[in-house]
Amino acid sequence: MSESTHSIYKTEFLKGLLSRNKKLHLENLDAFVDYYNHLRHPADLYGLTIMEVINGKTPDKDFFKNQISEAKMDRVITNRAFNKCAFIG
């Protein structure tokens, strides 16, 4: 778990930047904890943050089912409209 969290800290949060001193590093760690717990939406929690789950929400794999179905239908309509464009050569 700690290796995974450290990887997220380096790649998602710091994005390859380095902490230049101890004070800045500690500030970055505090900000990362807030980001990780309140702003990050891991895929295995189906759109919830860690704090939402801790506070009692239950991850629901079907939560976005309707939105995904609607998006699929919209994509079909958009693709059909796009396919009406023809190349005349």
PDB file of N, CA and C in Angstrom:
ATOM      1  N   MET A   1       0.820  -1.193   0.000  1.00  0.00           N
ATOM      2  CA  MET A   1       0.000   0.000   0.000  1.00  0.00           C
ATOM      3  C   MET A   1       0.864   1.256   0.000  1.00  0.00           C
ATOM      4  N   SER A   2       1.900   1.272   0.829  1.00  0.00           N
ATOM      5  CA  SER A   2       2.722   2.477   0.902  1.00  0.00           C
ATOM      6  C   SER A   2       3.458   2.746  -0.411  1.00  0.00           C
ATOM      7  N   GLU A   3       3.893   1.679  -1.108  1.00  0.00           N
ATOM      8  CA  GLU A   3       4.567   1.867  -2.392  1.00  0.00           C
ATOM      9  C   GLU A   3       3.619   2.494  -3.404  1.00  0.00           C
ATOM     10  N   SER A   4       2.381   2.041  -3.419  1.00  0.00           N
ATOM     11  CA  SER A   4       1.375   2.572  -4.340  1.00  0.00           C
ATOM     12  C   SER A   4       1.085   4.046  -4.030  1.00  0.00           C
ATOM     13  N   THR A   5       0.934   4.370  -2.747  1.00  0.00           N
ATOM     14  CA  THR A   5       0.654   5.748  -2.351  1.00  0.00           C
ATOM     15  C   THR A   5       1.838   6.650  -2.694  1.00  0.00           C
ATOM     16  N   HIS A   6       3.032   6.163  -2.476  1.00  0.00           N
ATOM     17  CA  HIS A   6       4.225   6.945  -2.814  1.00  0.00           C
ATOM     18  C   HIS A   6       4.301   7.192  -4.317  1.00  0.00           C
ATOM     19  N   SER A   7       3.954   6.204  -5.108  1.00  0.00           N
ATOM     20  CA  SER A   7       3.941   6.360  -6.561  1.00  0.00           C
ATOM     21  C   SER A   7       2.923   7.414  -6.989  1.00  0.00           C
ATOM     22  N   ILE A   8       1.742   7.385  -6.384  1.00  0.00           N
ATOM     23  CA  ILE A   8       0.703   8.388  -6.684  1.00  0.00           C
ATOM     24  C   ILE A   8       1.198   9.773  -6.289  1.00  0.00           C
ATOM     25  N   TYR A   9       1.868   9.863  -5.151  1.00  0.00           N
ATOM     26  CA  TYR A   9       2.419  11.142  -4.691  1.00  0.00           C
ATOM     27  C   TYR A   9       3.381  11.716  -5.723  1.00  0.00           C
ATOM     28  N   LYS A  10       4.269  10.874  -6.225  1.00  0.00           N
ATOM     29  CA  LYS A  10       5.276  11.337  -7.184  1.00  0.00           C
ATOM     30  C   LYS A  10       4.672  11.648  -8.548  1.00  0.00           C
ATOM     31  N   THR A  11       3.789  10.775  -9.054  1.00  0.00           N
ATOM     32  CA  THR A  11       3.325  10.921 -10.427  1.00  0.00           C
ATOM     33  C   THR A  11       2.110  11.834 -10.574  1.00  0.00           C
ATOM     34  N   GLU A  12       1.082  11.651  -9.761  1.00  0.00           N
ATOM     35  CA  GLU A  12      -0.138  12.440  -9.897  1.00  0.00           C
ATOM     36  C   GLU A  12      -0.051  13.785  -9.205  1.00  0.00           C
ATOM     37  N   PHE A  13       0.609  13.819  -8.057  1.00  0.00           N
ATOM     38  CA  PHE A  13       0.600  15.039  -7.260  1.00  0.00           C
ATOM     39  C   PHE A  13       1.785  15.938  -7.572  1.00  0.00           C
ATOM     40  N   LEU A  14       2.995  15.422  -7.432  1.00  0.00           N
ATOM     41  CA  LEU A  14       4.174  16.247  -7.707  1.00  0.00           C
ATOM     42  C   LEU A  14       4.470  16.366  -9.197  1.00  0.00           C
ATOM     43  N   LYS A  15       3.978  15.400  -9.968  1.00  0.00           N
ATOM     44  CA  LYS A  15       4.161  15.381 -11.431  1.00  0.00           C
ATOM     45  C   LYS A  15       5.637  15.527 -11.814  1.00  0.00           C
ATOM     46  N   GLY A  16       6.477  14.788 -11.098  1.00  0.00           N
ATOM     47  CA  GLY A  16       7.889  14.761 -11.432  1.00  0.00           C
ATOM     48  C   GLY A  16       8.720  15.866 -10.808  1.00  0.00           C
ATOM     49  N   LEU A  17       8.107  16.820 -10.122  1.00  0.00           N
ATOM     50  CA  LEU A  17       8.865  17.897  -9.485  1.00  0.00           C
ATOM     51  C   LEU A  17       9.457  17.403  -8.173  1.00  0.00           C
ATOM     52  N   LEU A  18      10.475  18.070  -7.712  1.00  0.00           N
ATOM     53  CA  LEU A  18      11.132  17.698  -6.459  1.00  0.00           C
ATOM     54  C   LEU A  18      10.869  18.757  -5.397  1.00  0.00           C
ATOM     55  N   SER A  19      10.776  18.310  -4.149  1.00  0.00           N
ATOM     56  CA  SER A  19      10.696  19.256  -3.040  1.00  0.00           C
ATOM     57  C   SER A  19      12.104  19.805  -2.807  1.00  0.00           C
ATOM     58  N   ARG A  20      12.241  21.111  -2.741  1.00  0.00           N
ATOM     59  CA  ARG A  20      13.562  21.739  -2.650  1.00  0.00           C
ATOM     60  C   ARG A  20      14.105  21.807  -1.229  1.00  0.00           C
ATOM     61  N   ASN A  21      13.219  21.749  -0.238  1.00  0.00           N
ATOM     62  CA  ASN A  21      13.685  21.781   1.146  1.00  0.00           C
ATOM     63  C   ASN A  21      12.673  21.061   2.034  1.00  0.00           C
ATOM     64  N   LYS A  22      13.041  20.866   3.276  1.00  0.00           N
ATOM     65  CA  LYS A  22      12.209  20.091   4.203  1.00  0.00           C
ATOM     66  C   LYS A  22      10.851  20.760   4.425  1.00  0.00           C
ATOM     67  N   LYS A  23      10.841  22.087   4.599  1.00  0.00           N
ATOM     68  CA  LYS A  23       9.590  22.809   4.841  1.00  0.00           C
ATOM     69  C   LYS A  23       8.638  22.635   3.664  1.00  0.00           C
ATOM     70  N   LEU A  24       9.135  22.826   2.455  1.00  0.00           N
ATOM     71  CA  LEU A  24       8.308  22.671   1.263  1.00  0.00           C
ATOM     72  C   LEU A  24       7.824  21.226   1.120  1.00  0.00           C
ATOM     73  N   HIS A  25       8.696  20.290   1.441  1.00  0.00           N
ATOM     74  CA  HIS A  25       8.325  18.880   1.348  1.00  0.00           C
ATOM     75  C   HIS A  25       7.178  18.553   2.309  1.00  0.00           C
ATOM     76  N   LEU A  26       7.262  19.052   3.535  1.00  0.00           N
ATOM     77  CA  LEU A  26       6.200  18.807   4.522  1.00  0.00           C
ATOM     78  C   LEU A  26       4.895  19.482   4.100  1.00  0.00           C
ATOM     79  N   GLU A  27       4.998  20.668   3.520  1.00  0.00           N
ATOM     80  CA  GLU A  27       3.798  21.344   3.005  1.00  0.00           C
ATOM     81  C   GLU A  27       3.177  20.527   1.870  1.00  0.00           C
ATOM     82  N   ASN A  28       4.029  20.015   0.982  1.00  0.00           N
ATOM     83  CA  ASN A  28       3.541  19.180  -0.116  1.00  0.00           C
ATOM     84  C   ASN A  28       2.861  17.916   0.409  1.00  0.00           C
ATOM     85  N   LEU A  29       3.436  17.311   1.437  1.00  0.00           N
ATOM     86  CA  LEU A  29       2.831  16.104   2.012  1.00  0.00           C
ATOM     87  C   LEU A  29       1.456  16.403   2.609  1.00  0.00           C
ATOM     88  N   ASP A  30       1.320  17.525   3.313  1.00  0.00           N
ATOM     89  CA  ASP A  30       0.013  17.901   3.871  1.00  0.00           C
ATOM     90  C   ASP A  30      -1.013  18.113   2.761  1.00  0.00           C
ATOM     91  N   ALA A  31      -0.606  18.812   1.712  1.00  0.00           N
ATOM     92  CA  ALA A  31      -1.517  19.045   0.587  1.00  0.00           C
ATOM     93  C   ALA A  31      -1.866  17.734  -0.106  1.00  0.00           C
ATOM     94  N   PHE A  32      -0.892  16.823  -0.211  1.00  0.00           N
ATOM     95  CA  PHE A  32      -1.147  15.533  -0.847  1.00  0.00           C
ATOM     96  C   PHE A  32      -2.163  14.714  -0.060  1.00  0.00           C
ATOM     97  N   VAL A  33      -2.050  14.707   1.272  1.00  0.00           N
ATOM     98  CA  VAL A  33      -2.995  13.951   2.098  1.00  0.00           C
ATOM     99  C   VAL A  33      -4.418  14.467   1.852  1.00  0.00           C
ATOM    100  N   ASP A  34      -4.571  15.771   1.773  1.00  0.00           N
ATOM    101  CA  ASP A  34      -5.886  16.354   1.483  1.00  0.00           C
ATOM    102  C   ASP A  34      -6.368  15.929   0.093  1.00  0.00           C
ATOM    103  N   TYR A  35      -5.490  16.035  -0.900  1.00  0.00           N
ATOM    104  CA  TYR A  35      -5.817  15.611  -2.271  1.00  0.00           C
ATOM    105  C   TYR A  35      -6.210  14.137  -2.298  1.00  0.00           C
ATOM    106  N   TYR A  36      -5.416  13.298  -1.680  1.00  0.00           N
ATOM    107  CA  TYR A  36      -5.619  11.844  -1.721  1.00  0.00           C
ATOM    108  C   TYR A  36      -6.940  11.449  -1.058  1.00  0.00           C
ATOM    109  N   ASN A  37      -7.276  12.084   0.052  1.00  0.00           N
ATOM    110  CA  ASN A  37      -8.473  11.710   0.799  1.00  0.00           C
ATOM    111  C   ASN A  37      -9.749  12.377   0.303  1.00  0.00           C
ATOM    112  N   HIS A  38      -9.644  13.604  -0.223  1.00  0.00           N
ATOM    113  CA  HIS A  38     -10.848  14.379  -0.533  1.00  0.00           C
ATOM    114  C   HIS A  38     -11.079  14.649  -2.014  1.00  0.00           C
ATOM    115  N   LEU A  39     -10.061  14.601  -2.831  1.00  0.00           N
ATOM    116  CA  LEU A  39     -10.214  15.001  -4.229  1.00  0.00           C
ATOM    117  C   LEU A  39      -9.995  13.875  -5.230  1.00  0.00           C
ATOM    118  N   ARG A  40      -9.242  12.863  -4.856  1.00  0.00           N
ATOM    119  CA  ARG A  40      -8.899  11.775  -5.776  1.00  0.00           C
ATOM    120  C   ARG A  40     -10.019  10.746  -5.787  1.00  0.00           C
ATOM    121  N   HIS A  41     -10.388  10.305  -6.998  1.00  0.00           N
ATOM    122  CA  HIS A  41     -11.464   9.325  -7.164  1.00  0.00           C
ATOM    123  C   HIS A  41     -10.886   8.033  -7.737  1.00  0.00           C
ATOM    124  N   PRO A  42     -10.436   7.110  -6.888  1.00  0.00           N
ATOM    125  CA  PRO A  42      -9.877   5.861  -7.398  1.00  0.00           C
ATOM    126  C   PRO A  42     -10.948   5.047  -8.124  1.00  0.00           C
ATOM    127  N   ALA A  43     -10.550   4.369  -9.179  1.00  0.00           N
ATOM    128  CA  ALA A  43     -11.490   3.594  -9.990  1.00  0.00           C
ATOM    129  C   ALA A  43     -12.212   2.526  -9.175  1.00  0.00           C
ATOM    130  N   ASP A  44     -11.540   1.925  -8.225  1.00  0.00           N
ATOM    131  CA  ASP A  44     -12.178   0.849  -7.460  1.00  0.00           C
ATOM    132  C   ASP A  44     -13.230   1.353  -6.472  1.00  0.00           C
ATOM    133  N   LEU A  45     -13.363   2.677  -6.313  1.00  0.00           N
ATOM    134  CA  LEU A  45     -14.422   3.236  -5.467  1.00  0.00           C
ATOM    135  C   LEU A  45     -15.577   3.786  -6.308  1.00  0.00           C
ATOM    136  N   TYR A  46     -15.534   3.563  -7.609  1.00  0.00           N
ATOM    137  CA  TYR A  46     -16.630   3.907  -8.528  1.00  0.00           C
ATOM    138  C   TYR A  46     -17.095   5.352  -8.388  1.00  0.00           C
ATOM    139  N   GLY A  47     -16.161   6.274  -8.440  1.00  0.00           N
ATOM    140  CA  GLY A  47     -16.514   7.692  -8.452  1.00  0.00           C
ATOM    141  C   GLY A  47     -16.574   8.359  -7.091  1.00  0.00           C
ATOM    142  N   LEU A  48     -16.322   7.631  -6.035  1.00  0.00           N
ATOM    143  CA  LEU A  48     -16.318   8.223  -4.701  1.00  0.00           C
ATOM    144  C   LEU A  48     -14.886   8.491  -4.259  1.00  0.00           C
ATOM    145  N   THR A  49     -14.747   9.425  -3.321  1.00  0.00           N
ATOM    146  CA  THR A  49     -13.440   9.655  -2.715  1.00  0.00           C
ATOM    147  C   THR A  49     -13.305   8.759  -1.491  1.00  0.00           C
ATOM    148  N   ILE A  50     -12.105   8.667  -0.979  1.00  0.00           N
ATOM    149  CA  ILE A  50     -11.868   7.855   0.208  1.00  0.00           C
ATOM    150  C   ILE A  50     -12.701   8.362   1.388  1.00  0.00           C
ATOM    151  N   MET A  51     -12.760   9.677   1.564  1.00  0.00           N
ATOM    152  CA  MET A  51     -13.507  10.234   2.698  1.00  0.00           C
ATOM    153  C   MET A  51     -15.003   9.995   2.554  1.00  0.00           C
ATOM    154  N   GLU A  52     -15.529   9.992   1.346  1.00  0.00           N
ATOM    155  CA  GLU A  52     -16.945   9.689   1.165  1.00  0.00           C
ATOM    156  C   GLU A  52     -17.257   8.266   1.632  1.00  0.00           C
ATOM    157  N   VAL A  53     -16.365   7.336   1.323  1.00  0.00           N
ATOM    158  CA  VAL A  53     -16.552   5.947   1.757  1.00  0.00           C
ATOM    159  C   VAL A  53     -16.412   5.847   3.274  1.00  0.00           C
ATOM    160  N   ILE A  54     -15.413   6.516   3.835  1.00  0.00           N
ATOM    161  CA  ILE A  54     -15.226   6.503   5.284  1.00  0.00           C
ATOM    162  C   ILE A  54     -16.447   7.086   5.994  1.00  0.00           C
ATOM    163  N   ASN A  55     -17.069   8.097   5.381  1.00  0.00           N
ATOM    164  CA  ASN A  55     -18.239   8.740   5.984  1.00  0.00           C
ATOM    165  C   ASN A  55     -19.542   8.005   5.703  1.00  0.00           C
ATOM    166  N   GLY A  56     -19.470   6.821   5.098  1.00  0.00           N
ATOM    167  CA  GLY A  56     -20.654   5.984   5.014  1.00  0.00           C
ATOM    168  C   GLY A  56     -21.235   5.714   3.643  1.00  0.00           C
ATOM    169  N   LYS A  57     -20.765   6.386   2.591  1.00  0.00           N
ATOM    170  CA  LYS A  57     -21.295   6.087   1.261  1.00  0.00           C
ATOM    171  C   LYS A  57     -20.783   4.724   0.807  1.00  0.00           C
ATOM    172  N   THR A  58     -21.612   4.023   0.073  1.00  0.00           N
ATOM    173  CA  THR A  58     -21.247   2.692  -0.405  1.00  0.00           C
ATOM    174  C   THR A  58     -20.907   2.760  -1.888  1.00  0.00           C
ATOM    175  N   PRO A  59     -19.715   2.305  -2.276  1.00  0.00           N
ATOM    176  CA  PRO A  59     -19.380   2.274  -3.701  1.00  0.00           C
ATOM    177  C   PRO A  59     -20.396   1.425  -4.459  1.00  0.00           C
ATOM    178  N   ASP A  60     -20.862   1.944  -5.591  1.00  0.00           N
ATOM    179  CA  ASP A  60     -21.885   1.274  -6.392  1.00  0.00           C
ATOM    180  C   ASP A  60     -21.400   1.214  -7.834  1.00  0.00           C
ATOM    181  N   LYS A  61     -21.085   0.007  -8.294  1.00  0.00           N
ATOM    182  CA  LYS A  61     -20.554  -0.131  -9.649  1.00  0.00           C
ATOM    183  C   LYS A  61     -21.578   0.251 -10.709  1.00  0.00           C
ATOM    184  N   ASP A  62     -22.851   0.299 -10.367  1.00  0.00           N
ATOM    185  CA  ASP A  62     -23.894   0.663 -11.326  1.00  0.00           C
ATOM    186  C   ASP A  62     -24.284   2.139 -11.249  1.00  0.00           C
ATOM    187  N   PHE A  63     -23.592   2.921 -10.423  1.00  0.00           N
ATOM    188  CA  PHE A  63     -23.949   4.323 -10.208  1.00  0.00           C
ATOM    189  C   PHE A  63     -23.968   5.125 -11.517  1.00  0.00           C
ATOM    190  N   PHE A  64     -23.006   4.878 -12.393  1.00  0.00           N
ATOM    191  CA  PHE A  64     -22.909   5.634 -13.639  1.00  0.00           C
ATOM    192  C   PHE A  64     -23.543   4.900 -14.818  1.00  0.00           C
ATOM    193  N   LYS A  65     -24.294   3.846 -14.542  1.00  0.00           N
ATOM    194  CA  LYS A  65     -24.859   3.015 -15.599  1.00  0.00           C
ATOM    195  C   LYS A  65     -25.724   3.834 -16.564  1.00  0.00           C
ATOM    196  N   ASN A  66     -26.622   4.668 -16.039  1.00  0.00           N
ATOM    197  CA  ASN A  66     -27.490   5.473 -16.902  1.00  0.00           C
ATOM    198  C   ASN A  66     -26.689   6.499 -17.707  1.00  0.00           C
ATOM    199  N   GLN A  67     -25.744   7.162 -17.060  1.00  0.00           N
ATOM    200  CA  GLN A  67     -24.936   8.155 -17.768  1.00  0.00           C
ATOM    201  C   GLN A  67     -24.124   7.504 -18.884  1.00  0.00           C
ATOM    202  N   ILE A  68     -23.615   6.302 -18.648  1.00  0.00           N
ATOM    203  CA  ILE A  68     -22.837   5.601 -19.669  1.00  0.00           C
ATOM    204  C   ILE A  68     -23.735   5.201 -20.828  1.00  0.00           C
ATOM    205  N   SER A  69     -24.937   4.720 -20.529  1.00  0.00           N
ATOM    206  CA  SER A  69     -25.884   4.345 -21.596  1.00  0.00           C
ATOM    207  C   SER A  69     -26.252   5.550 -22.440  1.00  0.00           C
ATOM    208  N   GLU A  70     -26.523   6.683 -21.797  1.00  0.00           N
ATOM    209  CA  GLU A  70     -26.863   7.901 -22.528  1.00  0.00           C
ATOM    210  C   GLU A  70     -25.684   8.367 -23.386  1.00  0.00           C
ATOM    211  N   ALA A  71     -24.495   8.288 -22.848  1.00  0.00           N
ATOM    212  CA  ALA A  71     -23.306   8.699 -23.606  1.00  0.00           C
ATOM    213  C   ALA A  71     -23.108   7.810 -24.826  1.00  0.00           C
ATOM    214  N   LYS A  72     -23.371   6.506 -24.686  1.00  0.00           N
ATOM    215  CA  LYS A  72     -23.255   5.595 -25.829  1.00  0.00           C
ATOM    216  C   LYS A  72     -24.239   5.975 -26.927  1.00  0.00           C
ATOM    217  N   MET A  73     -25.468   6.291 -26.544  1.00  0.00           N
ATOM    218  CA  MET A  73     -26.478   6.683 -27.530  1.00  0.00           C
ATOM    219  C   MET A  73     -26.095   8.003 -28.201  1.00  0.00           C
ATOM    220  N   ASP A  74     -25.628   8.962 -27.413  1.00  0.00           N
ATOM    221  CA  ASP A  74     -25.193  10.245 -27.976  1.00  0.00           C
ATOM    222  C   ASP A  74     -24.036  10.047 -28.944  1.00  0.00           C
ATOM    223  N   ARG A  75     -23.128   9.126 -28.615  1.00  0.00           N
ATOM    224  CA  ARG A  75     -21.993   8.865 -29.491  1.00  0.00           C
ATOM    225  C   ARG A  75     -22.463   8.305 -30.827  1.00  0.00           C
ATOM    226  N   VAL A  76     -23.465   7.419 -30.803  1.00  0.00           N
ATOM    227  CA  VAL A  76     -24.001   6.859 -32.046  1.00  0.00           C
ATOM    228  C   VAL A  76     -24.598   7.972 -32.900  1.00  0.00           C
ATOM    229  N   ILE A  77     -25.372   8.858 -32.275  1.00  0.00           N
ATOM    230  CA  ILE A  77     -25.983   9.977 -33.016  1.00  0.00           C
ATOM    231  C   ILE A  77     -24.905  10.892 -33.585  1.00  0.00           C
ATOM    232  N   THR A  78     -23.898  11.205 -32.786  1.00  0.00           N
ATOM    233  CA  THR A  78     -22.803  12.069 -33.247  1.00  0.00           C
ATOM    234  C   THR A  78     -22.045  11.415 -34.389  1.00  0.00           C
ATOM    235  N   ASN A  79     -21.776  10.116 -34.271  1.00  0.00           N
ATOM    236  CA  ASN A  79     -21.056   9.409 -35.333  1.00  0.00           C
ATOM    237  C   ASN A  79     -21.864   9.375 -36.622  1.00  0.00           C
ATOM    238  N   ARG A  80     -23.168   9.178 -36.515  1.00  0.00           N
ATOM    239  CA  ARG A  80     -24.011   9.179 -37.726  1.00  0.00           C
ATOM    240  C   ARG A  80     -23.977  10.538 -38.396  1.00  0.00           C
ATOM    241  N   ALA A  81     -24.050  11.605 -37.605  1.00  0.00           N
ATOM    242  CA  ALA A  81     -23.997  12.949 -38.176  1.00  0.00           C
ATOM    243  C   ALA A  81     -22.642  13.189 -38.836  1.00  0.00           C
ATOM    244  N   PHE A  82     -21.585  12.723 -38.206  1.00  0.00           N
ATOM    245  CA  PHE A  82     -20.247  12.900 -38.757  1.00  0.00           C
ATOM    246  C   PHE A  82     -20.089  12.111 -40.050  1.00  0.00           C
ATOM    247  N   ASN A  83     -20.638  10.914 -40.100  1.00  0.00           N
ATOM    248  CA  ASN A  83     -20.507  10.066 -41.276  1.00  0.00           C
ATOM    249  C   ASN A  83     -21.233  10.616 -42.488  1.00  0.00           C
ATOM    250  N   LYS A  84     -22.113  11.606 -42.289  1.00  0.00           N
ATOM    251  CA  LYS A  84     -22.784  12.225 -43.428  1.00  0.00           C
ATOM    252  C   LYS A  84     -21.799  13.093 -44.222  1.00  0.00           C
ATOM    253  N   CYS A  85     -20.680  13.419 -43.602  1.00  0.00           N
ATOM    254  CA  CYS A  85     -19.651  14.161 -44.327  1.00  0.00           C
ATOM    255  C   CYS A  85     -19.047  13.206 -45.357  1.00  0.00           C
ATOM    256  N   ALA A  86     -18.958  13.656 -46.534  1.00  0.00           N
ATOM    257  CA  ALA A  86     -18.434  12.791 -47.589  1.00  0.00           C
ATOM    258  C   ALA A  86     -17.242  13.461 -48.257  1.00  0.00           C
ATOM    259  N   PHE A  87     -16.292  12.651 -48.626  1.00  0.00           N
ATOM    260  CA  PHE A  87     -15.147  13.151 -49.372  1.00  0.00           C
ATOM    261  C   PHE A  87     -15.430  12.994 -50.851  1.00  0.00           C
ATOM    262  N   ILE A  88     -15.404  14.080 -51.540  1.00  0.00           N
ATOM    263  CA  ILE A  88     -15.631  14.019 -52.984  1.00  0.00           C
ATOM    264  C   ILE A  88     -14.277  14.236 -53.638  1.00  0.00           C
ATOM    265  N   GLY A  89     -13.827  13.210 -54.319  1.00  0.00           N
ATOM    266  CA  GLY A  89     -12.477  13.295 -54.850  1.00  0.00           C
ATOM    267  C   GLY A  89     -12.326  13.137 -56.297  1.00  0.00           C
TER     268      GLY A  89
END
